[in-house]
Amino acid sequence: MQTLDLPAAAGTDAGAPVGDKPKRDRHDSETAAQELSSKELSSKKMRPPGVRSVGWALVQAARLHRARTGDRLAKLGLFAGQEQVVQALASAGTMTMGDLAALLRVRPPTASKTVTRLAALGIVERRAESGDGRVVRVQLTPAGLAKAEAIEQIQEEVEAELLDHLDKTDRRRLRKLLRKAARGLAEAAGAAGESTDVDAEIEAEVDDEVEGLPT
C-alpha cells in the first residue's frame, strides 16, 4: 500500500503531534512572561527594603563600621568584640569577671570565654582574689597594654572615616540623637538607665549651638 505524505496542519511544526501544541503554547507564554518580568525589574531602580527606615540606615552604618574595625583588628590577631574587653581593662586596670560582664552587658559565660581566648594569646592574665579564691580578677599583660594602644588608634581611624562628611555641629547632633534613640529603646525594653554626665554635656553643647543658629 502506498503511503501519502500529508502537509502539516497550519500553525503546527511539521512532524510534531498536533496534541502537543497547547503545551508548547503554554510554555512559550510562560517564557515570554518571565522575560518581560526580568526586563521590567532591570529597568526599574532596585531599592532595598526599608530604605526609608531610620533603623535600616542605622544598621547599615553599624555594619559597615564594624566591618572596617574588624578588618583592622584582624591585623592585630583579634576578633571583633575582643577589643572591648581589652579597652575595658586598659581603663579600669583590673576587674572581676562579674564586673567585666556587667560593664560589657554580656552574660558571665560569654565574658569568661572571651577572657580565656585573650589569655591564650598572652593579652590578659587572671588571678584569684587575695583571701577569696572564688573571685577572679583580670588585667592586661604588657602585650595587652600594647594592643590597647593599637586598638585606640584603629578606632580613631574608623571614627574619622565615619564622620568624614559631617561638620562639627552635625557630629554633636548625631551623638545626641543616637543617645536619645538608644534611651527610647531601653525604656521600651524596661531597661532604661539614668542619664550620665557625658549625655548631659553633649546635649548642652548641641542646645547651645542650635540656639546660636539663624532661624
N, C-alpha and C. Protein backbone atom coordinates (compact mmCIF):
# COMPACT_ATOMS: atom_id res chain seq x y z
N MET A 1 0.85 -1.20 0.00
CA MET A 1 0.00 0.00 0.00
C MET A 1 0.87 1.24 0.00
N GLN A 2 0.49 2.22 -0.80
CA GLN A 2 1.29 3.44 -0.92
C GLN A 2 0.96 4.39 0.22
N THR A 3 2.02 4.94 0.82
CA THR A 3 1.84 5.88 1.94
C THR A 3 1.93 7.30 1.43
N LEU A 4 0.98 8.13 1.83
CA LEU A 4 0.96 9.51 1.37
C LEU A 4 1.51 10.42 2.44
N ASP A 5 2.35 11.38 2.06
CA ASP A 5 2.88 12.38 2.98
C ASP A 5 1.93 13.55 3.00
N LEU A 6 1.21 13.74 4.11
CA LEU A 6 0.26 14.83 4.22
C LEU A 6 0.95 16.08 4.72
N PRO A 7 0.55 17.28 4.25
CA PRO A 7 1.15 18.53 4.74
C PRO A 7 0.79 18.75 6.20
N ALA A 8 1.70 19.37 6.93
CA ALA A 8 1.46 19.64 8.35
C ALA A 8 0.32 20.62 8.49
N ALA A 9 -0.45 20.47 9.58
CA ALA A 9 -1.58 21.37 9.81
C ALA A 9 -1.06 22.77 10.06
N ALA A 10 -1.83 23.74 9.66
CA ALA A 10 -1.43 25.15 9.82
C ALA A 10 -1.20 25.46 11.28
N GLY A 11 -0.06 26.17 11.58
CA GLY A 11 0.23 26.57 12.97
C GLY A 11 0.91 25.49 13.77
N THR A 12 1.28 24.35 13.17
CA THR A 12 1.98 23.29 13.90
C THR A 12 3.31 23.06 13.25
N ASP A 13 4.24 22.44 14.01
CA ASP A 13 5.54 22.08 13.45
C ASP A 13 5.37 20.80 12.67
N ALA A 14 6.04 20.73 11.52
CA ALA A 14 5.95 19.53 10.71
C ALA A 14 6.50 18.34 11.47
N GLY A 15 5.78 17.27 11.47
CA GLY A 15 6.26 16.05 12.11
C GLY A 15 5.96 15.99 13.58
N ALA A 16 5.46 17.06 14.20
CA ALA A 16 5.17 17.04 15.63
C ALA A 16 3.72 16.70 15.84
N PRO A 17 3.40 15.93 16.86
CA PRO A 17 2.00 15.57 17.12
C PRO A 17 1.18 16.82 17.37
N VAL A 18 -0.02 16.85 16.78
CA VAL A 18 -0.86 18.01 16.92
C VAL A 18 -1.28 18.21 18.37
N GLY A 19 -1.37 17.16 19.13
CA GLY A 19 -1.79 17.26 20.54
C GLY A 19 -0.80 17.99 21.42
N ASP A 20 0.45 18.20 21.00
CA ASP A 20 1.47 18.89 21.81
C ASP A 20 1.38 20.40 21.67
N LYS A 21 0.58 20.91 20.77
CA LYS A 21 0.52 22.35 20.52
C LYS A 21 0.10 23.15 21.75
N PRO A 22 -0.94 22.78 22.51
CA PRO A 22 -1.31 23.56 23.72
C PRO A 22 -0.17 23.64 24.72
N LYS A 23 0.58 22.55 24.89
CA LYS A 23 1.70 22.56 25.83
C LYS A 23 2.78 23.55 25.38
N ARG A 24 3.08 23.52 24.04
CA ARG A 24 4.10 24.43 23.53
C ARG A 24 3.65 25.88 23.68
N ASP A 25 2.39 26.13 23.42
CA ASP A 25 1.88 27.50 23.55
C ASP A 25 1.97 27.99 24.99
N ARG A 26 1.62 27.11 25.93
CA ARG A 26 1.67 27.49 27.34
C ARG A 26 3.11 27.75 27.78
N HIS A 27 4.03 26.91 27.33
CA HIS A 27 5.45 27.09 27.66
C HIS A 27 5.97 28.40 27.09
N ASP A 28 5.61 28.69 25.82
CA ASP A 28 6.05 29.93 25.19
C ASP A 28 5.51 31.14 25.94
N SER A 29 4.26 31.06 26.40
CA SER A 29 3.65 32.17 27.13
C SER A 29 4.36 32.40 28.46
N GLU A 30 4.66 31.30 29.18
CA GLU A 30 5.35 31.42 30.47
C GLU A 30 6.75 32.00 30.29
N THR A 31 7.45 31.56 29.23
CA THR A 31 8.79 32.07 28.96
C THR A 31 8.75 33.57 28.65
N ALA A 32 7.78 33.96 27.85
CA ALA A 32 7.65 35.37 27.49
C ALA A 32 7.34 36.22 28.72
N ALA A 33 6.49 35.69 29.60
CA ALA A 33 6.13 36.42 30.82
C ALA A 33 7.35 36.59 31.73
N GLN A 34 8.16 35.54 31.83
CA GLN A 34 9.36 35.62 32.67
C GLN A 34 10.35 36.64 32.11
N GLU A 35 10.52 36.63 30.79
CA GLU A 35 11.45 37.58 30.16
C GLU A 35 10.96 39.02 30.37
N LEU A 36 9.64 39.21 30.24
CA LEU A 36 9.08 40.55 30.43
C LEU A 36 9.26 41.01 31.86
N SER A 37 9.04 40.10 32.82
CA SER A 37 9.19 40.45 34.23
C SER A 37 10.63 40.83 34.53
N SER A 38 11.59 40.08 33.96
CA SER A 38 13.01 40.37 34.18
C SER A 38 13.38 41.74 33.62
N LYS A 39 12.82 42.06 32.43
CA LYS A 39 13.12 43.35 31.82
C LYS A 39 12.54 44.48 32.66
N GLU A 40 11.33 44.28 33.18
CA GLU A 40 10.70 45.31 34.00
C GLU A 40 11.50 45.57 35.27
N LEU A 41 11.99 44.48 35.90
CA LEU A 41 12.77 44.63 37.13
C LEU A 41 14.09 45.34 36.86
N SER A 42 14.73 44.95 35.74
CA SER A 42 16.03 45.56 35.43
C SER A 42 15.89 47.01 35.03
N SER A 43 14.72 47.36 34.47
CA SER A 43 14.52 48.74 34.04
C SER A 43 14.21 49.66 35.22
N LYS A 44 13.73 49.09 36.33
CA LYS A 44 13.42 49.88 37.50
C LYS A 44 14.64 49.98 38.41
N LYS A 45 14.77 51.06 39.12
CA LYS A 45 15.86 51.22 40.06
C LYS A 45 15.55 50.41 41.31
N MET A 46 16.33 49.36 41.54
CA MET A 46 16.08 48.47 42.67
C MET A 46 16.49 49.16 43.97
N ARG A 47 15.59 49.16 44.95
CA ARG A 47 15.88 49.74 46.25
C ARG A 47 15.69 48.69 47.32
N PRO A 48 16.61 48.60 48.26
CA PRO A 48 16.48 47.60 49.32
C PRO A 48 15.26 47.88 50.19
N PRO A 49 14.69 46.84 50.79
CA PRO A 49 13.52 47.05 51.67
C PRO A 49 13.91 47.88 52.88
N GLY A 50 13.00 48.75 53.29
CA GLY A 50 13.27 49.55 54.47
C GLY A 50 14.22 50.69 54.26
N VAL A 51 14.44 51.07 52.99
CA VAL A 51 15.44 52.09 52.71
C VAL A 51 15.08 53.43 53.34
N ARG A 52 13.80 53.67 53.58
CA ARG A 52 13.39 54.92 54.22
C ARG A 52 13.36 54.83 55.74
N SER A 53 13.72 53.69 56.27
CA SER A 53 13.67 53.48 57.71
C SER A 53 14.95 54.00 58.38
N VAL A 54 14.77 54.71 59.50
CA VAL A 54 15.93 55.17 60.27
C VAL A 54 16.69 53.98 60.82
N GLY A 55 15.95 52.98 61.29
CA GLY A 55 16.60 51.79 61.82
C GLY A 55 17.44 51.07 60.79
N TRP A 56 16.92 50.99 59.55
CA TRP A 56 17.67 50.34 58.49
C TRP A 56 18.97 51.07 58.22
N ALA A 57 18.90 52.40 58.14
CA ALA A 57 20.10 53.20 57.90
C ALA A 57 21.10 53.03 59.03
N LEU A 58 20.59 52.97 60.26
CA LEU A 58 21.45 52.82 61.42
C LEU A 58 22.17 51.46 61.40
N VAL A 59 21.42 50.42 61.05
CA VAL A 59 22.00 49.08 60.99
C VAL A 59 23.07 49.01 59.91
N GLN A 60 22.80 49.60 58.74
CA GLN A 60 23.79 49.57 57.66
C GLN A 60 25.07 50.31 58.06
N ALA A 61 24.91 51.47 58.69
CA ALA A 61 26.09 52.22 59.13
C ALA A 61 26.88 51.42 60.17
N ALA A 62 26.14 50.78 61.09
CA ALA A 62 26.80 49.99 62.14
C ALA A 62 27.55 48.79 61.54
N ARG A 63 26.93 48.16 60.55
CA ARG A 63 27.58 47.00 59.93
C ARG A 63 28.86 47.40 59.21
N LEU A 64 28.79 48.51 58.48
CA LEU A 64 29.98 48.98 57.77
C LEU A 64 31.07 49.40 58.75
N HIS A 65 30.66 50.07 59.83
CA HIS A 65 31.62 50.49 60.85
C HIS A 65 32.29 49.26 61.48
N ARG A 66 31.48 48.24 61.76
CA ARG A 66 32.01 47.02 62.37
C ARG A 66 32.96 46.30 61.43
N ALA A 67 32.61 46.30 60.14
CA ALA A 67 33.45 45.63 59.15
C ALA A 67 34.80 46.32 59.01
N ARG A 68 34.79 47.65 58.97
CA ARG A 68 36.04 48.41 58.87
C ARG A 68 36.91 48.17 60.10
N THR A 69 36.27 48.16 61.28
CA THR A 69 37.02 47.90 62.51
C THR A 69 37.55 46.47 62.53
N GLY A 70 36.71 45.53 62.11
CA GLY A 70 37.11 44.12 62.12
C GLY A 70 38.30 43.84 61.23
N ASP A 71 38.34 44.49 60.06
CA ASP A 71 39.47 44.30 59.14
C ASP A 71 40.79 44.72 59.79
N ARG A 72 40.75 45.82 60.51
CA ARG A 72 41.97 46.31 61.16
C ARG A 72 42.33 45.47 62.38
N LEU A 73 41.31 45.02 63.12
CA LEU A 73 41.58 44.19 64.29
C LEU A 73 42.21 42.86 63.89
N ALA A 74 41.80 42.35 62.74
CA ALA A 74 42.35 41.07 62.28
C ALA A 74 43.87 41.15 62.10
N LYS A 75 44.36 42.33 61.73
CA LYS A 75 45.80 42.50 61.57
C LYS A 75 46.52 42.46 62.91
N LEU A 76 45.76 42.68 63.99
CA LEU A 76 46.33 42.58 65.34
C LEU A 76 46.14 41.19 65.92
N GLY A 77 45.49 40.31 65.15
CA GLY A 77 45.22 38.96 65.65
C GLY A 77 44.01 38.90 66.55
N LEU A 78 43.12 39.90 66.45
CA LEU A 78 41.94 39.95 67.30
C LEU A 78 40.68 39.84 66.47
N PHE A 79 39.61 39.36 67.13
CA PHE A 79 38.29 39.32 66.52
C PHE A 79 37.45 40.47 67.06
N ALA A 80 36.47 40.89 66.25
CA ALA A 80 35.57 41.95 66.69
C ALA A 80 34.88 41.53 67.98
N GLY A 81 34.88 42.42 68.96
CA GLY A 81 34.30 42.14 70.27
C GLY A 81 35.37 41.97 71.34
N GLN A 82 36.50 41.39 70.94
CA GLN A 82 37.59 41.21 71.90
C GLN A 82 38.21 42.53 72.30
N GLU A 83 38.16 43.50 71.38
CA GLU A 83 38.77 44.79 71.69
C GLU A 83 38.04 45.49 72.83
N GLN A 84 36.76 45.18 73.02
CA GLN A 84 36.01 45.81 74.10
C GLN A 84 36.54 45.38 75.47
N VAL A 85 36.91 44.12 75.58
CA VAL A 85 37.50 43.63 76.83
C VAL A 85 38.84 44.30 77.07
N VAL A 86 39.65 44.38 76.04
CA VAL A 86 40.97 45.00 76.17
C VAL A 86 40.84 46.46 76.60
N GLN A 87 39.91 47.17 75.99
CA GLN A 87 39.74 48.58 76.33
C GLN A 87 39.20 48.76 77.74
N ALA A 88 38.28 47.90 78.14
CA ALA A 88 37.73 48.00 79.49
C ALA A 88 38.81 47.79 80.54
N LEU A 89 39.67 46.82 80.31
CA LEU A 89 40.75 46.55 81.25
C LEU A 89 41.82 47.64 81.20
N ALA A 90 42.04 48.21 80.03
CA ALA A 90 43.01 49.29 79.92
C ALA A 90 42.55 50.50 80.72
N SER A 91 41.24 50.70 80.78
CA SER A 91 40.69 51.83 81.53
C SER A 91 40.62 51.56 83.02
N ALA A 92 40.20 50.35 83.38
CA ALA A 92 40.00 50.04 84.80
C ALA A 92 41.25 49.52 85.49
N GLY A 93 42.16 48.95 84.75
CA GLY A 93 43.36 48.38 85.35
C GLY A 93 43.15 46.92 85.69
N THR A 94 42.22 46.64 86.57
CA THR A 94 41.88 45.27 86.94
C THR A 94 40.40 45.20 87.26
N MET A 95 39.78 44.08 86.90
CA MET A 95 38.34 43.92 87.12
C MET A 95 38.03 42.47 87.47
N THR A 96 36.96 42.29 88.22
CA THR A 96 36.47 40.93 88.43
C THR A 96 35.71 40.50 87.18
N MET A 97 35.52 39.22 87.02
CA MET A 97 34.80 38.72 85.87
C MET A 97 33.36 39.23 85.86
N GLY A 98 32.77 39.30 87.04
CA GLY A 98 31.40 39.79 87.14
C GLY A 98 31.28 41.24 86.73
N ASP A 99 32.22 42.07 87.21
CA ASP A 99 32.19 43.49 86.84
C ASP A 99 32.43 43.68 85.34
N LEU A 100 33.31 42.87 84.78
CA LEU A 100 33.61 42.97 83.35
C LEU A 100 32.37 42.62 82.52
N ALA A 101 31.69 41.55 82.90
CA ALA A 101 30.48 41.14 82.19
C ALA A 101 29.41 42.21 82.28
N ALA A 102 29.27 42.79 83.47
CA ALA A 102 28.25 43.83 83.67
C ALA A 102 28.57 45.06 82.83
N LEU A 103 29.83 45.45 82.78
CA LEU A 103 30.22 46.62 82.02
C LEU A 103 29.96 46.44 80.52
N LEU A 104 30.25 45.24 80.03
CA LEU A 104 30.08 44.96 78.60
C LEU A 104 28.65 44.54 78.26
N ARG A 105 27.83 44.37 79.31
CA ARG A 105 26.43 43.97 79.12
C ARG A 105 26.32 42.64 78.39
N VAL A 106 27.10 41.67 78.85
CA VAL A 106 27.04 40.31 78.31
C VAL A 106 26.89 39.35 79.48
N ARG A 107 26.53 38.13 79.17
CA ARG A 107 26.40 37.11 80.22
C ARG A 107 27.79 36.70 80.70
N PRO A 108 27.94 36.38 81.99
CA PRO A 108 29.25 35.99 82.52
C PRO A 108 29.94 34.89 81.72
N PRO A 109 29.23 33.83 81.26
CA PRO A 109 29.92 32.81 80.47
C PRO A 109 30.53 33.37 79.18
N THR A 110 29.84 34.36 78.58
CA THR A 110 30.36 34.98 77.36
C THR A 110 31.65 35.74 77.65
N ALA A 111 31.64 36.51 78.73
CA ALA A 111 32.85 37.25 79.12
C ALA A 111 33.98 36.29 79.45
N SER A 112 33.64 35.19 80.12
CA SER A 112 34.66 34.21 80.50
C SER A 112 35.32 33.57 79.27
N LYS A 113 34.51 33.26 78.25
CA LYS A 113 35.07 32.68 77.02
C LYS A 113 36.04 33.64 76.35
N THR A 114 35.64 34.91 76.27
CA THR A 114 36.50 35.90 75.62
C THR A 114 37.80 36.07 76.38
N VAL A 115 37.71 36.13 77.71
CA VAL A 115 38.91 36.27 78.53
C VAL A 115 39.82 35.06 78.37
N THR A 116 39.24 33.88 78.29
CA THR A 116 40.04 32.66 78.11
C THR A 116 40.83 32.71 76.81
N ARG A 117 40.18 33.17 75.75
CA ARG A 117 40.86 33.27 74.46
C ARG A 117 41.96 34.32 74.49
N LEU A 118 41.68 35.45 75.14
CA LEU A 118 42.69 36.50 75.23
C LEU A 118 43.86 36.07 76.11
N ALA A 119 43.57 35.28 77.13
CA ALA A 119 44.64 34.77 77.99
C ALA A 119 45.55 33.83 77.21
N ALA A 120 44.96 33.03 76.31
CA ALA A 120 45.75 32.11 75.49
C ALA A 120 46.66 32.87 74.53
N LEU A 121 46.26 34.10 74.19
CA LEU A 121 47.07 34.94 73.31
C LEU A 121 48.10 35.76 74.08
N GLY A 122 48.07 35.64 75.41
CA GLY A 122 49.01 36.40 76.24
C GLY A 122 48.64 37.85 76.41
N ILE A 123 47.36 38.18 76.17
CA ILE A 123 46.93 39.57 76.24
C ILE A 123 46.41 39.93 77.64
N VAL A 124 45.78 38.97 78.31
CA VAL A 124 45.29 39.19 79.67
C VAL A 124 45.79 38.08 80.58
N GLU A 125 45.72 38.36 81.87
CA GLU A 125 46.04 37.33 82.85
C GLU A 125 45.01 37.36 83.97
N ARG A 126 44.72 36.19 84.54
CA ARG A 126 43.73 36.06 85.60
C ARG A 126 44.41 35.67 86.90
N ARG A 127 43.93 36.29 87.97
CA ARG A 127 44.47 35.98 89.29
C ARG A 127 43.34 35.89 90.30
N ALA A 128 43.47 34.93 91.20
CA ALA A 128 42.46 34.77 92.24
C ALA A 128 42.58 35.91 93.24
N GLU A 129 41.45 36.38 93.71
CA GLU A 129 41.42 37.46 94.71
C GLU A 129 42.11 37.01 95.99
N SER A 130 42.95 37.86 96.52
CA SER A 130 43.65 37.52 97.77
C SER A 130 42.63 37.36 98.89
N GLY A 131 42.64 36.20 99.52
CA GLY A 131 41.73 35.95 100.63
C GLY A 131 40.42 35.33 100.20
N ASP A 132 40.12 35.31 98.89
CA ASP A 132 38.88 34.69 98.40
C ASP A 132 39.15 34.13 97.01
N GLY A 133 39.51 32.85 96.98
CA GLY A 133 39.87 32.21 95.72
C GLY A 133 38.73 32.09 94.73
N ARG A 134 37.50 32.32 95.21
CA ARG A 134 36.36 32.21 94.30
C ARG A 134 36.25 33.43 93.38
N VAL A 135 36.84 34.54 93.79
CA VAL A 135 36.78 35.77 93.00
C VAL A 135 38.03 35.86 92.13
N VAL A 136 37.83 35.97 90.83
CA VAL A 136 38.94 36.05 89.88
C VAL A 136 39.01 37.46 89.30
N ARG A 137 40.19 38.02 89.33
CA ARG A 137 40.42 39.34 88.74
C ARG A 137 41.21 39.20 87.44
N VAL A 138 40.90 40.09 86.52
CA VAL A 138 41.54 40.05 85.20
C VAL A 138 42.25 41.38 84.96
N GLN A 139 43.42 41.29 84.35
CA GLN A 139 44.15 42.51 84.00
C GLN A 139 44.96 42.26 82.74
N LEU A 140 45.38 43.34 82.09
CA LEU A 140 46.16 43.23 80.87
C LEU A 140 47.61 42.90 81.18
N THR A 141 48.23 42.16 80.29
CA THR A 141 49.66 41.92 80.34
C THR A 141 50.35 43.09 79.62
N PRO A 142 51.67 43.19 79.68
CA PRO A 142 52.35 44.23 78.88
C PRO A 142 52.00 44.15 77.40
N ALA A 143 51.86 42.94 76.89
CA ALA A 143 51.45 42.78 75.48
C ALA A 143 50.02 43.30 75.28
N GLY A 144 49.19 43.10 76.30
CA GLY A 144 47.82 43.58 76.22
C GLY A 144 47.75 45.10 76.23
N LEU A 145 48.60 45.73 76.98
CA LEU A 145 48.64 47.20 77.01
C LEU A 145 49.04 47.76 75.65
N ALA A 146 49.95 47.07 74.99
CA ALA A 146 50.36 47.49 73.64
C ALA A 146 49.20 47.33 72.66
N LYS A 147 48.44 46.25 72.83
CA LYS A 147 47.27 46.04 71.98
C LYS A 147 46.24 47.14 72.20
N ALA A 148 46.08 47.54 73.45
CA ALA A 148 45.10 48.59 73.77
C ALA A 148 45.44 49.89 73.05
N GLU A 149 46.70 50.23 72.98
CA GLU A 149 47.11 51.45 72.27
C GLU A 149 46.83 51.32 70.77
N ALA A 150 47.08 50.13 70.23
CA ALA A 150 46.83 49.91 68.80
C ALA A 150 45.33 49.96 68.50
N ILE A 151 44.53 49.44 69.41
CA ILE A 151 43.07 49.46 69.24
C ILE A 151 42.56 50.89 69.26
N GLU A 152 43.09 51.70 70.14
CA GLU A 152 42.67 53.10 70.21
C GLU A 152 42.97 53.82 68.89
N GLN A 153 44.11 53.52 68.30
CA GLN A 153 44.47 54.12 67.02
C GLN A 153 43.51 53.67 65.92
N ILE A 154 43.13 52.39 65.94
CA ILE A 154 42.19 51.86 64.95
C ILE A 154 40.85 52.57 65.05
N GLN A 155 40.37 52.74 66.26
CA GLN A 155 39.07 53.37 66.45
C GLN A 155 39.09 54.83 66.01
N GLU A 156 40.19 55.49 66.22
CA GLU A 156 40.30 56.88 65.76
C GLU A 156 40.26 56.94 64.23
N GLU A 157 40.89 55.99 63.57
CA GLU A 157 40.90 55.97 62.11
C GLU A 157 39.51 55.70 61.55
N VAL A 158 38.81 54.71 62.13
CA VAL A 158 37.47 54.39 61.65
C VAL A 158 36.49 55.51 61.99
N GLU A 159 36.68 56.15 63.13
CA GLU A 159 35.83 57.28 63.52
C GLU A 159 35.97 58.42 62.50
N ALA A 160 37.19 58.64 62.06
CA ALA A 160 37.43 59.69 61.06
C ALA A 160 36.73 59.37 59.75
N GLU A 161 36.74 58.10 59.37
CA GLU A 161 36.04 57.68 58.15
C GLU A 161 34.53 57.85 58.30
N LEU A 162 34.03 57.48 59.46
CA LEU A 162 32.60 57.56 59.73
C LEU A 162 32.07 58.99 59.65
N LEU A 163 32.85 59.92 60.18
CA LEU A 163 32.40 61.30 60.30
C LEU A 163 32.97 62.22 59.22
N ASP A 164 33.55 61.64 58.21
CA ASP A 164 34.25 62.43 57.20
C ASP A 164 33.36 63.49 56.55
N HIS A 165 32.09 63.17 56.34
CA HIS A 165 31.19 64.09 55.63
C HIS A 165 30.32 64.91 56.58
N LEU A 166 30.64 64.91 57.86
CA LEU A 166 29.87 65.67 58.84
C LEU A 166 30.72 66.77 59.45
N ASP A 167 30.14 67.96 59.58
CA ASP A 167 30.88 69.03 60.23
C ASP A 167 30.76 68.89 61.75
N LYS A 168 31.39 69.78 62.48
CA LYS A 168 31.45 69.66 63.93
C LYS A 168 30.06 69.69 64.56
N THR A 169 29.20 70.56 64.07
CA THR A 169 27.85 70.66 64.62
C THR A 169 27.05 69.39 64.36
N ASP A 170 27.13 68.87 63.14
CA ASP A 170 26.41 67.65 62.81
C ASP A 170 26.88 66.47 63.64
N ARG A 171 28.17 66.43 63.93
CA ARG A 171 28.70 65.32 64.73
C ARG A 171 28.12 65.34 66.14
N ARG A 172 28.04 66.53 66.72
CA ARG A 172 27.49 66.63 68.07
C ARG A 172 26.01 66.30 68.08
N ARG A 173 25.31 66.77 67.05
CA ARG A 173 23.88 66.46 66.96
C ARG A 173 23.67 64.97 66.81
N LEU A 174 24.49 64.34 66.00
CA LEU A 174 24.35 62.90 65.77
C LEU A 174 24.54 62.13 67.07
N ARG A 175 25.55 62.50 67.84
CA ARG A 175 25.76 61.83 69.12
C ARG A 175 24.54 61.97 70.02
N LYS A 176 24.00 63.17 70.05
CA LYS A 176 22.83 63.43 70.90
C LYS A 176 21.64 62.60 70.43
N LEU A 177 21.38 62.58 69.14
CA LEU A 177 20.22 61.87 68.62
C LEU A 177 20.35 60.36 68.81
N LEU A 178 21.54 59.83 68.62
CA LEU A 178 21.74 58.40 68.81
C LEU A 178 21.54 58.00 70.28
N ARG A 179 22.00 58.85 71.19
CA ARG A 179 21.80 58.55 72.61
C ARG A 179 20.31 58.61 72.96
N LYS A 180 19.60 59.56 72.39
CA LYS A 180 18.16 59.65 72.64
C LYS A 180 17.45 58.42 72.08
N ALA A 181 17.84 58.00 70.88
CA ALA A 181 17.23 56.83 70.28
C ALA A 181 17.49 55.58 71.12
N ALA A 182 18.72 55.43 71.59
CA ALA A 182 19.06 54.29 72.43
C ALA A 182 18.28 54.31 73.73
N ARG A 183 18.11 55.51 74.27
CA ARG A 183 17.35 55.64 75.51
C ARG A 183 15.90 55.22 75.31
N GLY A 184 15.34 55.58 74.15
CA GLY A 184 13.97 55.19 73.85
C GLY A 184 13.81 53.69 73.77
N LEU A 185 14.76 53.01 73.13
CA LEU A 185 14.71 51.55 73.04
C LEU A 185 14.88 50.92 74.42
N ALA A 186 15.76 51.50 75.23
CA ALA A 186 15.96 50.97 76.58
C ALA A 186 14.70 51.08 77.41
N GLU A 187 14.00 52.21 77.29
CA GLU A 187 12.76 52.40 78.02
C GLU A 187 11.70 51.40 77.56
N ALA A 188 11.65 51.16 76.25
CA ALA A 188 10.68 50.22 75.72
C ALA A 188 10.96 48.80 76.22
N ALA A 189 12.25 48.51 76.44
CA ALA A 189 12.63 47.18 76.92
C ALA A 189 12.60 47.09 78.44
N GLY A 190 12.26 48.20 79.11
CA GLY A 190 12.22 48.20 80.57
C GLY A 190 13.59 48.20 81.21
N ALA A 191 14.60 48.69 80.44
CA ALA A 191 15.97 48.70 80.97
C ALA A 191 16.57 50.09 80.88
N ALA A 192 15.75 51.11 81.09
CA ALA A 192 16.23 52.48 80.97
C ALA A 192 17.24 52.78 82.07
N GLY A 193 18.30 53.48 81.69
CA GLY A 193 19.31 53.87 82.66
C GLY A 193 19.28 55.36 82.88
N GLU A 194 19.96 55.81 83.90
CA GLU A 194 20.00 57.23 84.19
C GLU A 194 20.92 57.94 83.22
N SER A 195 20.59 59.18 82.91
CA SER A 195 21.43 59.99 82.02
C SER A 195 22.77 60.26 82.69
N THR A 196 23.84 60.05 81.95
CA THR A 196 25.18 60.26 82.50
C THR A 196 25.61 61.70 82.32
N ASP A 197 26.70 62.06 82.97
CA ASP A 197 27.25 63.41 82.82
C ASP A 197 27.65 63.67 81.37
N VAL A 198 28.15 62.63 80.71
CA VAL A 198 28.55 62.79 79.31
C VAL A 198 27.33 63.09 78.45
N ASP A 199 26.23 62.38 78.69
CA ASP A 199 25.00 62.66 77.95
C ASP A 199 24.59 64.11 78.13
N ALA A 200 24.59 64.57 79.37
CA ALA A 200 24.16 65.94 79.66
C ALA A 200 25.08 66.95 79.00
N GLU A 201 26.38 66.65 79.00
CA GLU A 201 27.34 67.57 78.38
C GLU A 201 27.12 67.68 76.88
N ILE A 202 26.90 66.54 76.23
CA ILE A 202 26.67 66.55 74.78
C ILE A 202 25.40 67.29 74.44
N GLU A 203 24.33 67.03 75.21
CA GLU A 203 23.06 67.68 74.94
C GLU A 203 23.18 69.20 75.14
N ALA A 204 23.94 69.61 76.16
CA ALA A 204 24.12 71.04 76.41
C ALA A 204 24.88 71.69 75.27
N GLU A 205 25.90 71.00 74.73
CA GLU A 205 26.67 71.53 73.62
C GLU A 205 25.78 71.73 72.40
N VAL A 206 24.96 70.74 72.10
CA VAL A 206 24.10 70.83 70.92
C VAL A 206 23.06 71.91 71.11
N ASP A 207 22.46 71.98 72.31
CA ASP A 207 21.44 73.00 72.56
C ASP A 207 22.02 74.41 72.39
N ASP A 208 23.23 74.62 72.88
CA ASP A 208 23.87 75.92 72.76
C ASP A 208 24.08 76.29 71.28
N GLU A 209 24.50 75.30 70.49
CA GLU A 209 24.76 75.57 69.08
C GLU A 209 23.46 75.83 68.33
N VAL A 210 22.43 75.06 68.66
CA VAL A 210 21.14 75.25 67.99
C VAL A 210 20.59 76.65 68.27
N GLU A 211 20.75 77.10 69.51
CA GLU A 211 20.26 78.43 69.86
C GLU A 211 20.98 79.51 69.08
N GLY A 212 22.25 79.26 68.72
CA GLY A 212 23.02 80.26 68.01
C GLY A 212 22.83 80.25 66.51
N LEU A 213 22.09 79.24 66.00
CA LEU A 213 21.90 79.15 64.56
C LEU A 213 20.80 80.11 64.11
N PRO A 214 20.90 80.65 62.88
CA PRO A 214 19.85 81.53 62.37
C PRO A 214 18.57 80.74 62.09
N THR A 215 17.42 81.37 62.32
CA THR A 215 16.15 80.70 62.11
C THR A 215 15.63 80.99 60.71
